[in-house]
N, C-alpha and C. Protein backbone atom coordinates (compact mmCIF):
# COMPACT_ATOMS: atom_id res chain seq x y z
N MET A 1 52.50 70.81 19.47
CA MET A 1 53.88 70.38 19.36
C MET A 1 54.76 71.39 20.08
N GLY A 2 55.64 70.91 20.98
CA GLY A 2 56.54 71.78 21.73
C GLY A 2 57.75 72.16 20.89
N ILE A 3 58.53 73.11 21.40
CA ILE A 3 59.72 73.59 20.69
C ILE A 3 60.73 72.47 20.48
N LEU A 4 60.90 71.57 21.46
CA LEU A 4 61.84 70.48 21.30
C LEU A 4 61.40 69.53 20.20
N ASP A 5 60.11 69.26 20.11
CA ASP A 5 59.59 68.40 19.04
C ASP A 5 59.85 69.05 17.68
N PHE A 6 59.66 70.36 17.60
CA PHE A 6 59.89 71.08 16.35
C PHE A 6 61.36 70.97 15.94
N LEU A 7 62.28 71.18 16.90
CA LEU A 7 63.71 71.10 16.59
C LEU A 7 64.11 69.69 16.15
N LYS A 8 63.57 68.68 16.84
CA LYS A 8 63.88 67.30 16.47
C LYS A 8 63.38 67.00 15.06
N LYS A 9 62.21 67.48 14.74
CA LYS A 9 61.64 67.28 13.41
C LYS A 9 62.52 67.94 12.35
N ASN A 10 63.00 69.15 12.61
CA ASN A 10 63.86 69.85 11.66
C ASN A 10 65.22 69.19 11.54
N ASP A 11 65.76 68.63 12.63
CA ASP A 11 67.02 67.91 12.56
C ASP A 11 66.90 66.70 11.64
N LYS A 12 65.78 66.00 11.70
CA LYS A 12 65.58 64.85 10.83
C LYS A 12 65.53 65.29 9.37
N LYS A 13 64.92 66.42 9.11
CA LYS A 13 64.87 66.94 7.74
C LYS A 13 66.27 67.23 7.22
N LYS A 14 67.13 67.77 8.08
CA LYS A 14 68.50 68.11 7.67
C LYS A 14 69.25 66.88 7.20
N GLU A 15 69.01 65.74 7.87
CA GLU A 15 69.76 64.55 7.54
C GLU A 15 69.23 63.83 6.31
N GLN A 16 68.04 64.19 5.86
CA GLN A 16 67.50 63.58 4.66
C GLN A 16 68.25 64.10 3.43
N THR A 17 68.35 63.27 2.43
CA THR A 17 69.01 63.68 1.21
C THR A 17 68.15 64.70 0.48
N ASN A 18 68.76 65.78 0.06
CA ASN A 18 68.09 66.87 -0.64
C ASN A 18 69.08 67.42 -1.66
N GLU A 19 68.67 67.53 -2.89
CA GLU A 19 69.58 67.95 -3.95
C GLU A 19 70.22 69.31 -3.67
N ASN A 20 69.50 70.22 -3.06
CA ASN A 20 70.02 71.56 -2.83
C ASN A 20 70.83 71.69 -1.55
N GLU A 21 70.69 70.79 -0.63
CA GLU A 21 71.32 70.92 0.68
C GLU A 21 71.98 69.60 1.08
N PRO A 22 73.17 69.31 0.57
CA PRO A 22 73.79 68.03 0.86
C PRO A 22 74.47 67.95 2.24
N ILE A 23 73.70 68.11 3.33
CA ILE A 23 74.21 67.89 4.69
C ILE A 23 73.86 66.47 5.04
N ASP A 24 74.35 65.57 4.40
CA ASP A 24 73.89 64.21 4.27
C ASP A 24 74.83 63.22 4.92
N GLU A 25 74.73 62.02 4.45
CA GLU A 25 75.57 60.95 4.94
C GLU A 25 77.05 61.26 4.72
N VAL A 26 77.39 61.89 3.62
CA VAL A 26 78.79 62.21 3.33
C VAL A 26 79.32 63.16 4.40
N GLN A 27 78.57 64.22 4.71
CA GLN A 27 78.99 65.18 5.73
C GLN A 27 79.06 64.50 7.10
N ASN A 28 78.08 63.69 7.40
CA ASN A 28 78.09 62.98 8.68
C ASN A 28 79.29 62.03 8.78
N LYS A 29 79.66 61.39 7.67
CA LYS A 29 80.83 60.51 7.67
C LYS A 29 82.11 61.31 7.88
N PHE A 30 82.23 62.45 7.20
CA PHE A 30 83.38 63.32 7.42
C PHE A 30 83.50 63.69 8.90
N ILE A 31 82.40 64.12 9.49
CA ILE A 31 82.40 64.54 10.89
C ILE A 31 82.81 63.37 11.78
N LYS A 32 82.25 62.20 11.52
CA LYS A 32 82.59 61.02 12.31
C LYS A 32 84.08 60.69 12.19
N ASP A 33 84.60 60.70 10.96
CA ASP A 33 86.02 60.38 10.75
C ASP A 33 86.94 61.41 11.40
N MET A 34 86.61 62.69 11.24
CA MET A 34 87.44 63.74 11.80
C MET A 34 87.40 63.72 13.33
N THR A 35 86.23 63.55 13.90
CA THR A 35 86.16 63.53 15.37
C THR A 35 86.88 62.30 15.92
N SER A 36 86.79 61.19 15.20
CA SER A 36 87.48 59.98 15.63
C SER A 36 89.00 60.18 15.61
N ASN A 37 89.52 60.75 14.52
CA ASN A 37 90.96 61.02 14.43
C ASN A 37 91.41 62.04 15.47
N ALA A 38 90.63 63.10 15.64
CA ALA A 38 90.98 64.13 16.62
C ALA A 38 90.98 63.54 18.03
N LYS A 39 90.04 62.66 18.30
CA LYS A 39 89.96 62.02 19.61
C LYS A 39 91.20 61.14 19.85
N ARG A 40 91.68 60.50 18.80
CA ARG A 40 92.86 59.64 18.94
C ARG A 40 94.08 60.43 19.42
N ILE A 41 94.32 61.60 18.82
CA ILE A 41 95.49 62.38 19.24
C ILE A 41 95.26 62.98 20.62
N SER A 42 94.03 63.36 20.89
CA SER A 42 93.70 63.91 22.20
C SER A 42 93.91 62.87 23.29
N GLU A 43 93.42 61.67 23.07
CA GLU A 43 93.58 60.61 24.07
C GLU A 43 95.04 60.20 24.24
N ALA A 44 95.80 60.20 23.16
CA ALA A 44 97.18 59.76 23.23
C ALA A 44 98.09 60.76 23.94
N TYR A 45 97.81 62.07 23.78
CA TYR A 45 98.76 63.07 24.27
C TYR A 45 98.18 64.08 25.26
N ASN A 46 96.89 64.03 25.53
CA ASN A 46 96.27 65.06 26.37
C ASN A 46 96.85 65.08 27.78
N GLU A 47 97.11 63.92 28.35
CA GLU A 47 97.68 63.88 29.70
C GLU A 47 99.06 64.53 29.71
N MET A 48 99.86 64.20 28.73
CA MET A 48 101.21 64.78 28.63
C MET A 48 101.14 66.30 28.47
N LEU A 49 100.07 66.80 27.83
CA LEU A 49 99.90 68.23 27.58
C LEU A 49 99.06 68.91 28.65
N GLY A 50 98.85 68.24 29.75
CA GLY A 50 98.11 68.84 30.87
C GLY A 50 96.64 69.07 30.58
N GLY A 51 96.05 68.24 29.72
CA GLY A 51 94.62 68.36 29.41
C GLY A 51 94.29 69.52 28.50
N ALA A 52 95.28 70.05 27.83
CA ALA A 52 95.09 71.27 27.02
C ALA A 52 94.31 71.04 25.72
N LEU A 53 94.22 69.80 25.26
CA LEU A 53 93.52 69.54 23.99
C LEU A 53 92.02 69.46 24.24
N ASP A 54 91.39 70.64 24.34
CA ASP A 54 89.97 70.75 24.67
C ASP A 54 89.14 71.34 23.53
N TYR A 55 89.69 71.39 22.33
CA TYR A 55 89.03 71.89 21.13
C TYR A 55 88.81 73.40 21.14
N SER A 56 89.44 74.09 22.06
CA SER A 56 89.39 75.55 22.03
C SER A 56 90.46 76.04 21.04
N VAL A 57 90.32 77.26 20.60
CA VAL A 57 91.32 77.83 19.69
C VAL A 57 92.68 77.88 20.40
N SER A 58 92.67 78.20 21.68
CA SER A 58 93.94 78.27 22.42
C SER A 58 94.62 76.91 22.54
N SER A 59 93.88 75.81 22.39
CA SER A 59 94.47 74.47 22.48
C SER A 59 95.41 74.19 21.31
N LEU A 60 95.31 74.98 20.25
CA LEU A 60 96.20 74.77 19.10
C LEU A 60 97.66 75.06 19.46
N LYS A 61 97.87 75.87 20.48
CA LYS A 61 99.24 76.13 20.94
C LYS A 61 99.84 74.84 21.50
N ALA A 62 99.07 74.11 22.30
CA ALA A 62 99.55 72.84 22.85
C ALA A 62 99.80 71.82 21.73
N LEU A 63 98.89 71.77 20.77
CA LEU A 63 99.08 70.87 19.63
C LEU A 63 100.34 71.24 18.87
N ASP A 64 100.57 72.53 18.70
CA ASP A 64 101.76 73.01 17.99
C ASP A 64 103.04 72.61 18.74
N GLU A 65 103.01 72.67 20.06
CA GLU A 65 104.16 72.25 20.86
C GLU A 65 104.42 70.76 20.69
N LEU A 66 103.35 69.98 20.61
CA LEU A 66 103.49 68.55 20.36
C LEU A 66 104.12 68.31 18.98
N LEU A 67 103.64 69.04 17.98
CA LEU A 67 104.18 68.88 16.64
C LEU A 67 105.64 69.33 16.56
N GLU A 68 106.05 70.24 17.42
CA GLU A 68 107.45 70.63 17.47
C GLU A 68 108.32 69.44 17.87
N GLN A 69 107.81 68.62 18.79
CA GLN A 69 108.55 67.42 19.18
C GLN A 69 108.67 66.44 18.01
N PHE A 70 107.61 66.34 17.22
CA PHE A 70 107.68 65.48 16.03
C PHE A 70 108.67 66.08 15.02
N HIS A 71 108.69 67.39 14.91
CA HIS A 71 109.65 68.05 14.01
C HIS A 71 111.09 67.74 14.44
N GLU A 72 111.35 67.87 15.72
CA GLU A 72 112.70 67.64 16.25
C GLU A 72 113.15 66.20 16.03
N ASN A 73 112.21 65.29 15.92
CA ASN A 73 112.53 63.87 15.74
C ASN A 73 112.09 63.34 14.38
N LYS A 74 111.90 64.24 13.43
CA LYS A 74 111.33 63.85 12.13
C LYS A 74 112.14 62.79 11.40
N ASN A 75 113.43 62.75 11.60
CA ASN A 75 114.26 61.75 10.91
C ASN A 75 114.12 60.36 11.51
N ASP A 76 113.54 60.28 12.69
CA ASP A 76 113.36 58.99 13.36
C ASP A 76 111.94 58.44 13.22
N ILE A 77 111.08 59.19 12.53
CA ILE A 77 109.68 58.80 12.38
C ILE A 77 109.48 58.14 11.01
N ASP A 78 108.91 56.94 11.00
CA ASP A 78 108.65 56.30 9.71
C ASP A 78 107.44 56.95 9.04
N GLU A 79 107.29 56.71 7.76
CA GLU A 79 106.24 57.37 6.96
C GLU A 79 104.83 57.03 7.44
N LYS A 80 104.62 55.80 7.91
CA LYS A 80 103.30 55.42 8.40
C LYS A 80 102.93 56.23 9.64
N MET A 81 103.87 56.34 10.57
CA MET A 81 103.59 57.11 11.78
C MET A 81 103.39 58.59 11.44
N LYS A 82 104.21 59.11 10.56
CA LYS A 82 104.09 60.51 10.15
C LYS A 82 102.71 60.76 9.53
N SER A 83 102.28 59.87 8.67
CA SER A 83 100.98 59.98 8.02
C SER A 83 99.86 59.93 9.05
N ASP A 84 100.00 59.06 10.04
CA ASP A 84 99.01 58.94 11.11
C ASP A 84 98.92 60.22 11.94
N VAL A 85 100.07 60.78 12.29
CA VAL A 85 100.10 62.02 13.07
C VAL A 85 99.48 63.16 12.27
N ILE A 86 99.79 63.22 10.98
CA ILE A 86 99.22 64.27 10.12
C ILE A 86 97.70 64.17 10.09
N ALA A 87 97.18 62.96 9.92
CA ALA A 87 95.73 62.77 9.89
C ALA A 87 95.08 63.13 11.22
N GLN A 88 95.70 62.73 12.32
CA GLN A 88 95.13 63.01 13.63
C GLN A 88 95.20 64.49 13.98
N ALA A 89 96.37 65.09 13.81
CA ALA A 89 96.53 66.51 14.15
C ALA A 89 95.73 67.39 13.19
N GLY A 90 95.71 67.03 11.90
CA GLY A 90 94.91 67.78 10.93
C GLY A 90 93.43 67.71 11.26
N SER A 91 92.97 66.54 11.65
CA SER A 91 91.57 66.39 12.05
C SER A 91 91.26 67.22 13.28
N TYR A 92 92.21 67.29 14.20
CA TYR A 92 92.01 68.10 15.40
C TYR A 92 91.87 69.58 15.02
N VAL A 93 92.71 70.07 14.13
CA VAL A 93 92.62 71.47 13.68
C VAL A 93 91.26 71.71 13.03
N PHE A 94 90.84 70.80 12.17
CA PHE A 94 89.53 70.93 11.53
C PHE A 94 88.40 70.97 12.58
N GLU A 95 88.49 70.10 13.56
CA GLU A 95 87.44 70.06 14.58
C GLU A 95 87.42 71.32 15.44
N VAL A 96 88.58 71.91 15.68
CA VAL A 96 88.61 73.20 16.39
C VAL A 96 87.87 74.23 15.55
N ALA A 97 88.12 74.24 14.25
CA ALA A 97 87.43 75.18 13.36
C ALA A 97 85.93 74.92 13.35
N ARG A 98 85.54 73.67 13.20
CA ARG A 98 84.11 73.33 13.11
C ARG A 98 83.37 73.66 14.40
N ARG A 99 83.97 73.31 15.52
CA ARG A 99 83.30 73.51 16.80
C ARG A 99 83.23 74.99 17.20
N ASN A 100 84.17 75.77 16.72
CA ASN A 100 84.20 77.19 17.10
C ASN A 100 83.58 78.12 16.06
N TYR A 101 83.59 77.72 14.78
CA TYR A 101 83.10 78.61 13.72
C TYR A 101 82.10 77.98 12.77
N GLY A 102 81.90 76.68 12.88
CA GLY A 102 80.97 76.00 11.99
C GLY A 102 81.56 75.86 10.60
N GLY A 103 80.88 75.08 9.79
CA GLY A 103 81.34 74.86 8.42
C GLY A 103 81.09 73.44 7.97
N LYS A 104 81.63 73.13 6.82
CA LYS A 104 81.44 71.80 6.23
C LYS A 104 82.76 71.26 5.70
N TYR A 105 82.84 69.94 5.72
CA TYR A 105 83.97 69.23 5.13
C TYR A 105 83.68 68.90 3.67
N TYR A 106 84.71 68.94 2.87
CA TYR A 106 84.64 68.51 1.47
C TYR A 106 85.93 67.77 1.15
N TRP A 107 85.91 67.04 0.05
CA TRP A 107 87.13 66.42 -0.44
C TRP A 107 87.70 67.33 -1.51
N TYR A 108 88.97 67.69 -1.39
CA TYR A 108 89.65 68.59 -2.33
C TYR A 108 90.51 67.74 -3.25
N ASP A 109 89.97 67.42 -4.42
CA ASP A 109 90.64 66.52 -5.35
C ASP A 109 92.04 67.01 -5.74
N GLN A 110 92.19 68.30 -5.96
CA GLN A 110 93.48 68.84 -6.41
C GLN A 110 94.62 68.52 -5.45
N MET A 111 94.31 68.45 -4.16
CA MET A 111 95.36 68.19 -3.18
C MET A 111 95.19 66.82 -2.51
N ASN A 112 94.20 66.06 -2.96
CA ASN A 112 93.96 64.72 -2.45
C ASN A 112 93.87 64.68 -0.92
N GLN A 113 93.06 65.59 -0.38
CA GLN A 113 92.88 65.66 1.06
C GLN A 113 91.59 66.42 1.38
N PRO A 114 91.13 66.31 2.62
CA PRO A 114 89.93 67.06 2.99
C PRO A 114 90.21 68.56 3.08
N ILE A 115 89.15 69.32 2.93
CA ILE A 115 89.20 70.77 3.08
C ILE A 115 87.99 71.15 3.94
N PHE A 116 88.14 72.19 4.73
CA PHE A 116 87.05 72.63 5.59
C PHE A 116 86.66 74.05 5.18
N VAL A 117 85.36 74.26 4.94
CA VAL A 117 84.86 75.54 4.44
C VAL A 117 83.88 76.12 5.44
N THR A 118 84.11 77.37 5.84
CA THR A 118 83.25 78.09 6.78
C THR A 118 82.59 79.26 6.07
N GLY A 119 81.34 79.55 6.45
CA GLY A 119 80.66 80.76 6.01
C GLY A 119 79.63 80.61 4.93
N GLN A 120 79.48 79.41 4.38
CA GLN A 120 78.52 79.23 3.29
C GLN A 120 77.10 79.49 3.79
N PRO A 121 76.24 80.03 3.03
CA PRO A 121 76.34 80.39 1.61
C PRO A 121 76.82 81.83 1.37
N ASN A 122 77.07 82.58 2.43
CA ASN A 122 77.44 83.98 2.26
C ASN A 122 78.87 84.19 1.77
N PHE A 123 79.80 83.43 2.33
CA PHE A 123 81.21 83.52 1.94
C PHE A 123 81.84 82.17 2.15
N GLU A 124 83.06 82.00 1.66
CA GLU A 124 83.75 80.71 1.81
C GLU A 124 85.19 80.95 2.22
N ILE A 125 85.48 80.67 3.48
CA ILE A 125 86.85 80.72 3.98
C ILE A 125 87.25 79.27 4.25
N SER A 126 88.32 78.82 3.61
CA SER A 126 88.69 77.41 3.63
C SER A 126 90.08 77.20 4.23
N ILE A 127 90.24 76.06 4.88
CA ILE A 127 91.56 75.65 5.37
C ILE A 127 91.84 74.21 4.95
N ILE A 128 93.11 73.95 4.80
CA ILE A 128 93.60 72.60 4.46
C ILE A 128 94.58 72.21 5.57
N ALA A 129 94.07 71.59 6.59
CA ALA A 129 94.86 71.33 7.79
C ALA A 129 95.91 70.24 7.61
N PHE A 130 95.61 69.19 6.85
CA PHE A 130 96.57 68.09 6.72
C PHE A 130 97.88 68.59 6.13
N ASP A 131 97.79 69.37 5.08
CA ASP A 131 98.98 69.91 4.43
C ASP A 131 99.75 70.81 5.39
N LYS A 132 99.03 71.60 6.17
CA LYS A 132 99.69 72.51 7.11
C LYS A 132 100.40 71.74 8.21
N VAL A 133 99.78 70.69 8.73
CA VAL A 133 100.42 69.87 9.76
C VAL A 133 101.68 69.21 9.19
N LYS A 134 101.59 68.72 7.97
CA LYS A 134 102.76 68.11 7.33
C LYS A 134 103.90 69.13 7.23
N MET A 135 103.58 70.35 6.81
CA MET A 135 104.59 71.40 6.71
C MET A 135 105.15 71.75 8.08
N ARG A 136 104.31 71.71 9.11
CA ARG A 136 104.77 72.02 10.48
C ARG A 136 105.80 70.99 10.93
N ILE A 137 105.54 69.73 10.65
CA ILE A 137 106.48 68.68 11.04
C ILE A 137 107.77 68.80 10.23
N GLU A 138 107.66 69.07 8.96
CA GLU A 138 108.85 69.16 8.10
C GLU A 138 109.67 70.42 8.33
N ASN A 139 109.00 71.58 8.45
CA ASN A 139 109.70 72.86 8.47
C ASN A 139 109.92 73.46 9.85
N GLY A 140 109.22 72.96 10.85
CA GLY A 140 109.40 73.50 12.19
C GLY A 140 108.57 74.75 12.45
N LYS A 141 109.09 75.61 13.30
CA LYS A 141 108.34 76.74 13.82
C LYS A 141 107.90 77.75 12.77
N GLU A 142 108.52 77.77 11.63
CA GLU A 142 108.10 78.72 10.60
C GLU A 142 106.68 78.44 10.10
N ASP A 143 106.16 77.26 10.40
CA ASP A 143 104.80 76.89 10.00
C ASP A 143 103.91 76.63 11.22
N GLN A 144 103.98 77.50 12.21
CA GLN A 144 103.22 77.32 13.44
C GLN A 144 101.71 77.33 13.20
N LEU A 145 101.02 76.40 13.84
CA LEU A 145 99.56 76.29 13.69
C LEU A 145 98.77 77.47 14.26
N PRO A 146 99.12 78.00 15.44
CA PRO A 146 98.32 79.13 15.94
C PRO A 146 98.34 80.33 14.99
N PHE A 147 99.46 80.60 14.38
CA PHE A 147 99.55 81.71 13.42
C PHE A 147 98.67 81.43 12.20
N TYR A 148 98.76 80.22 11.70
CA TYR A 148 97.94 79.79 10.56
C TYR A 148 96.45 79.93 10.88
N PHE A 149 96.05 79.43 12.04
CA PHE A 149 94.64 79.44 12.41
C PHE A 149 94.15 80.87 12.64
N LYS A 150 95.02 81.73 13.13
CA LYS A 150 94.64 83.13 13.35
C LYS A 150 94.25 83.78 12.02
N GLY A 151 94.97 83.45 10.95
CA GLY A 151 94.61 83.96 9.62
C GLY A 151 93.23 83.50 9.20
N TYR A 152 92.92 82.25 9.48
CA TYR A 152 91.59 81.72 9.19
C TYR A 152 90.53 82.45 10.02
N GLU A 153 90.77 82.57 11.32
CA GLU A 153 89.83 83.24 12.21
C GLU A 153 89.54 84.67 11.76
N GLU A 154 90.58 85.41 11.44
CA GLU A 154 90.41 86.80 11.03
C GLU A 154 89.56 86.90 9.77
N ARG A 155 89.81 86.00 8.81
CA ARG A 155 89.03 86.02 7.57
C ARG A 155 87.58 85.63 7.81
N VAL A 156 87.34 84.67 8.70
CA VAL A 156 85.97 84.25 9.01
C VAL A 156 85.22 85.39 9.70
N LYS A 157 85.84 86.01 10.68
CA LYS A 157 85.19 87.10 11.42
C LYS A 157 84.89 88.30 10.54
N ALA A 158 85.73 88.53 9.53
CA ALA A 158 85.54 89.68 8.64
C ALA A 158 84.78 89.29 7.37
N GLY A 159 84.38 88.03 7.24
CA GLY A 159 83.75 87.52 6.02
C GLY A 159 82.52 88.31 5.61
N GLU A 160 82.50 88.66 4.35
CA GLU A 160 81.36 89.38 3.77
C GLU A 160 80.86 88.61 2.56
N LYS A 161 79.64 88.88 2.20
CA LYS A 161 79.01 88.19 1.08
C LYS A 161 79.94 88.18 -0.14
N GLY A 162 80.15 87.01 -0.67
CA GLY A 162 80.96 86.84 -1.87
C GLY A 162 82.45 86.61 -1.62
N ASP A 163 82.93 86.81 -0.40
CA ASP A 163 84.33 86.58 -0.10
C ASP A 163 84.66 85.09 -0.28
N LYS A 164 85.84 84.82 -0.85
CA LYS A 164 86.33 83.46 -0.98
C LYS A 164 87.83 83.50 -0.71
N ALA A 165 88.29 82.61 0.15
CA ALA A 165 89.71 82.54 0.44
C ALA A 165 90.09 81.15 0.90
N LEU A 166 91.24 80.72 0.45
CA LEU A 166 91.84 79.48 0.93
C LEU A 166 93.05 79.90 1.76
N ILE A 167 93.01 79.60 3.04
CA ILE A 167 94.10 79.96 3.94
C ILE A 167 95.11 78.82 3.87
N ASN A 168 96.30 79.13 3.38
CA ASN A 168 97.34 78.09 3.31
C ASN A 168 98.68 78.61 3.70
């Protein structure tokens, strides 16, 4: 058996349901939903932003500039559109985190929204992007995404066994 066959075999094991390791259909559905939402905002605005929405950490600056435009026009945006933008931009932030630092999605009942956790099983650094995007639209520059994400990045890079933090 070659190395590629071994990796394929192990990937299949990961997707099987296992009581101790739930990297399962739920996680795959989260990933599918988040990538789909992130793709929607990228496709809608990437040309206007000069192709900057490339899932790099630096692309959050372009996303933040886009959200500034929504902030400036927040009184003209209906609740459905605002909710849609929050879901799309929040998913994009989550996908930047996942693609650059890894982690898992969970549902956070207390806030009725997804949460993204990086570092398991050694540590848990979590972000709640939907709430942050909502605050960015409502409050403006005082809730800038690059600053928020930098706090997450710093905690992930410095993460040590047993550390737990929710970046909000």
